[in-house]
Amino acid sequence: MFWDKVSPLYDLFENVYNYKVYSGTGKKVAEFIDPTDEVLECACGTGAITVCIAEKCRKLIATDFAPGMLKQAARKCRKFNNVSFKKADITNIKCRDDRFDKVVAGNVIHLLSDPGKALAEIERVVKPGGKIIIPTYINMSKKSAGLAVKFIEFLGADFKKQFDIDSYKSFFTAMGYDKVEYHVVDGRMPCVIAVIKK
């Protein structure tokens, strides 16, 4: 699996290429997390956002489909005792309805063949009044960002979609979400964080 293969080098690539955004996204996401929150993170990757959430929340379950990514994230979060890691599929979340105060799904929507199914699952497991937080790289507006995407695709990543800020907003509108806050973490390849209240 591609994400298992790249997991040991993923942080290095991100930090060299896009450090400001890679480090800034987790900090910005953490602003939406409260100390009493039980949080689910889907597609946690190597834990760049996970470490920032863990510092803020009461309890965090961090999931990913790639065991290699989970291993890296667990290593990064070993100082926290409020985090557990599980292999999981974002389109088939194995837990009861209305369980979590917040659900975070970072930089995964553009990789999914059925993002609507993932959004429906995320919404299902968030409590009424809770928040869905979806950071996603936008990469069509800058030439250098496009080159980075091509390089990662060359290595084996399979991007189903690419967004600029307008198409990202249109994506959520098309999925039936009309009250979405958008927060931009700017840098070489910017990240837009969509925040949806259930």
Protein backbone atom coordinates (compact mmCIF):
# COMPACT_ATOMS: atom_id res chain seq x y z
CA MET A 1 0.00 0.00 0.00
CA PHE A 2 1.35 3.43 -1.01
CA TRP A 3 0.66 5.17 2.32
CA ASP A 4 2.43 2.42 4.28
CA LYS A 5 5.47 2.70 2.02
CA VAL A 6 5.76 6.47 2.35
CA SER A 7 4.91 6.71 6.06
CA PRO A 8 8.55 6.82 7.30
CA LEU A 9 9.36 9.72 4.92
CA TYR A 10 6.04 11.57 4.87
CA ASP A 11 6.86 14.07 7.62
CA LEU A 12 10.23 14.84 6.04
CA PHE A 13 8.62 15.61 2.68
CA GLU A 14 5.90 17.76 4.23
CA ASN A 15 8.32 19.66 6.47
CA VAL A 16 10.75 20.39 3.66
CA TYR A 17 8.10 21.29 1.09
CA ASN A 18 5.27 22.83 3.10
CA TYR A 19 6.36 23.29 6.75
CA LYS A 20 4.37 26.45 7.50
CA VAL A 21 1.08 24.83 6.46
CA TYR A 22 1.89 21.34 7.74
CA SER A 23 2.60 22.64 11.25
CA GLY A 24 0.01 25.42 11.14
CA THR A 25 -2.96 23.23 10.19
CA GLY A 26 -2.86 21.21 13.41
CA LYS A 27 -2.61 24.38 15.49
CA LYS A 28 -5.59 25.90 13.69
CA VAL A 29 -7.69 22.72 14.04
CA ALA A 30 -6.91 22.65 17.78
CA GLU A 31 -8.59 26.05 18.13
CA PHE A 32 -11.93 24.29 17.53
CA ILE A 33 -11.31 21.64 20.20
CA ASP A 34 -12.51 22.06 23.80
CA PRO A 35 -11.03 20.46 26.96
CA THR A 36 -14.17 18.36 27.55
CA ASP A 37 -14.32 16.99 23.98
CA GLU A 38 -14.19 13.38 22.94
CA VAL A 39 -12.75 13.52 19.42
CA LEU A 40 -12.50 11.08 16.53
CA GLU A 41 -9.78 11.74 13.99
CA CYS A 42 -10.13 9.93 10.68
CA ALA A 43 -7.12 9.53 8.38
CA CYS A 44 -4.71 10.76 11.05
CA GLY A 45 -1.68 9.97 8.91
CA THR A 46 1.57 10.45 10.80
CA GLY A 47 -0.14 12.48 13.53
CA ALA A 48 0.66 16.08 12.54
CA ILE A 49 -2.85 17.19 13.53
CA THR A 50 -3.23 14.47 16.18
CA VAL A 51 -0.56 15.92 18.49
CA CYS A 52 -2.27 19.32 18.46
CA ILE A 53 -5.71 17.86 19.19
CA ALA A 54 -4.35 15.62 21.97
CA GLU A 55 -3.06 18.66 23.85
CA LYS A 56 -6.56 20.14 23.97
CA CYS A 57 -9.16 17.37 24.27
CA ARG A 58 -10.31 14.98 26.99
CA LYS A 59 -10.12 11.88 24.78
CA LEU A 60 -9.02 11.20 21.20
CA ILE A 61 -9.41 8.14 19.03
CA ALA A 62 -7.09 8.54 16.03
CA THR A 63 -7.71 6.25 13.06
CA ASP A 64 -6.15 5.55 9.70
CA PHE A 65 -6.42 2.86 7.04
CA ALA A 66 -2.62 2.46 6.80
CA PRO A 67 -0.85 0.67 9.68
CA GLY A 68 2.43 2.40 8.78
CA MET A 69 0.87 5.81 9.28
CA LEU A 70 -0.67 4.73 12.61
CA LYS A 71 2.74 3.54 13.78
CA GLN A 72 4.30 6.94 13.03
CA ALA A 73 1.40 8.79 14.71
CA ALA A 74 1.58 6.62 17.83
CA ARG A 75 5.31 7.30 18.12
CA LYS A 76 4.68 11.04 17.84
CA CYS A 77 1.95 10.94 20.50
CA ARG A 78 3.57 8.62 23.04
CA LYS A 79 3.66 11.34 25.72
CA PHE A 80 -0.16 11.59 25.73
CA ASN A 81 -2.33 9.19 27.75
CA ASN A 82 -5.65 10.40 26.28
CA VAL A 83 -5.06 9.05 22.75
CA SER A 84 -5.74 5.61 21.31
CA PHE A 85 -5.02 4.45 17.75
CA LYS A 86 -7.11 2.14 15.57
CA LYS A 87 -7.06 0.96 11.98
CA ALA A 88 -10.35 2.08 10.45
CA ASP A 89 -12.15 2.90 7.22
CA ILE A 90 -13.57 6.43 7.06
CA THR A 91 -16.48 5.19 4.92
CA ASN A 92 -17.46 2.57 7.51
CA ILE A 93 -16.85 3.90 11.03
CA LYS A 94 -17.47 1.17 13.59
CA CYS A 95 -19.14 3.07 16.40
CA ARG A 96 -22.58 4.18 17.54
CA ASP A 97 -24.43 7.25 16.31
CA ASP A 98 -23.93 10.65 17.99
CA ARG A 99 -20.84 9.59 19.95
CA PHE A 100 -18.22 12.31 19.40
CA ASP A 101 -18.15 16.02 20.16
CA LYS A 102 -15.86 16.67 17.19
CA VAL A 103 -14.70 14.63 14.20
CA VAL A 104 -11.61 15.66 12.26
CA ALA A 105 -10.74 14.29 8.81
CA GLY A 106 -7.59 15.92 7.49
CA ASN A 107 -6.35 15.78 3.91
CA VAL A 108 -8.33 12.73 2.90
CA ILE A 109 -11.46 13.94 1.06
CA HIS A 110 -9.53 14.40 -2.21
CA LEU A 111 -8.32 10.78 -2.04
CA LEU A 112 -11.76 9.14 -1.75
CA SER A 113 -13.75 7.67 -4.62
CA ASP A 114 -16.96 8.21 -2.59
CA PRO A 115 -16.43 11.27 -0.36
CA GLY A 116 -20.19 11.58 0.18
CA LYS A 117 -20.23 8.23 1.96
CA ALA A 118 -17.40 9.37 4.23
CA LEU A 119 -19.16 12.63 5.06
CA ALA A 120 -22.38 10.77 5.87
CA GLU A 121 -20.48 8.46 8.24
CA ILE A 122 -18.70 11.36 9.90
CA GLU A 123 -21.98 13.21 10.37
CA ARG A 124 -23.59 10.07 11.79
CA VAL A 125 -21.05 9.73 14.60
CA VAL A 126 -21.00 13.42 15.63
CA LYS A 127 -23.33 14.53 18.42
CA PRO A 128 -26.03 17.06 17.61
CA GLY A 129 -24.40 20.45 18.13
CA GLY A 130 -20.96 18.92 17.55
CA LYS A 131 -18.54 19.88 14.78
CA ILE A 132 -17.10 18.24 11.69
CA ILE A 133 -13.64 19.64 10.87
CA ILE A 134 -12.21 18.87 7.44
CA PRO A 135 -8.84 20.37 6.48
CA THR A 136 -7.86 19.81 2.84
CA TYR A 137 -4.92 20.98 0.77
CA ILE A 138 -5.88 23.20 -2.13
CA ASN A 139 -3.45 22.90 -4.96
CA MET A 140 -4.76 24.24 -8.23
CA SER A 141 -4.01 27.91 -7.63
CA LYS A 142 -0.22 27.73 -7.51
CA LYS A 143 2.11 26.16 -10.06
CA SER A 144 4.55 24.78 -7.46
CA ALA A 145 1.66 23.09 -5.64
CA GLY A 146 0.62 21.38 -8.86
CA LEU A 147 4.14 20.06 -9.34
CA ALA A 148 4.15 18.62 -5.82
CA VAL A 149 0.87 16.81 -6.50
CA LYS A 150 2.27 15.40 -9.76
CA PHE A 151 5.36 14.17 -7.90
CA ILE A 152 3.29 12.45 -5.18
CA GLU A 153 1.06 10.91 -7.86
CA PHE A 154 4.19 9.67 -9.64
CA LEU A 155 5.20 7.90 -6.42
CA GLY A 156 1.81 6.16 -6.30
CA ALA A 157 -0.77 8.38 -4.58
CA ASP A 158 -4.21 8.34 -6.17
CA PHE A 159 -5.88 11.76 -6.01
CA LYS A 160 -9.56 11.55 -6.97
CA LYS A 161 -10.08 15.32 -6.81
CA GLN A 162 -8.06 18.51 -6.71
CA PHE A 163 -9.50 21.67 -5.22
CA ASP A 164 -8.99 25.38 -5.29
CA ILE A 165 -10.90 27.36 -2.68
CA ASP A 166 -13.94 27.91 -4.90
CA SER A 167 -14.28 24.28 -5.95
CA TYR A 168 -13.80 23.22 -2.32
CA LYS A 169 -16.71 25.41 -1.25
CA SER A 170 -18.78 24.14 -4.19
CA PHE A 171 -18.01 20.56 -3.16
CA PHE A 172 -19.64 21.05 0.25
CA THR A 173 -22.59 22.94 -1.23
CA ALA A 174 -23.16 20.05 -3.66
CA MET A 175 -23.06 17.63 -0.70
CA GLY A 176 -25.87 19.61 0.95
CA TYR A 177 -23.83 21.63 3.46
CA ASP A 178 -24.76 25.30 3.16
CA LYS A 179 -23.54 26.57 6.54
CA VAL A 180 -19.82 25.95 6.47
CA GLU A 181 -17.06 28.12 7.92
CA TYR A 182 -13.80 28.15 5.96
CA HIS A 183 -10.40 28.95 7.47
CA VAL A 184 -7.27 29.17 5.31
CA VAL A 185 -3.80 28.19 6.50
CA ASP A 186 -1.69 29.88 3.84
CA GLY A 187 1.66 28.74 2.52
CA ARG A 188 3.26 26.99 -0.43
CA MET A 189 0.36 24.54 -0.68
CA PRO A 190 -2.44 26.13 1.39
CA CYS A 191 -4.90 24.16 3.48
CA VAL A 192 -8.55 25.13 3.82
CA ILE A 193 -10.30 23.94 6.97
CA ALA A 194 -14.04 23.44 6.56
CA VAL A 195 -15.96 23.53 9.85
CA ILE A 196 -19.52 22.24 9.86
CA LYS A 197 -21.81 22.33 12.89
CA LYS A 198 -24.24 19.42 13.09
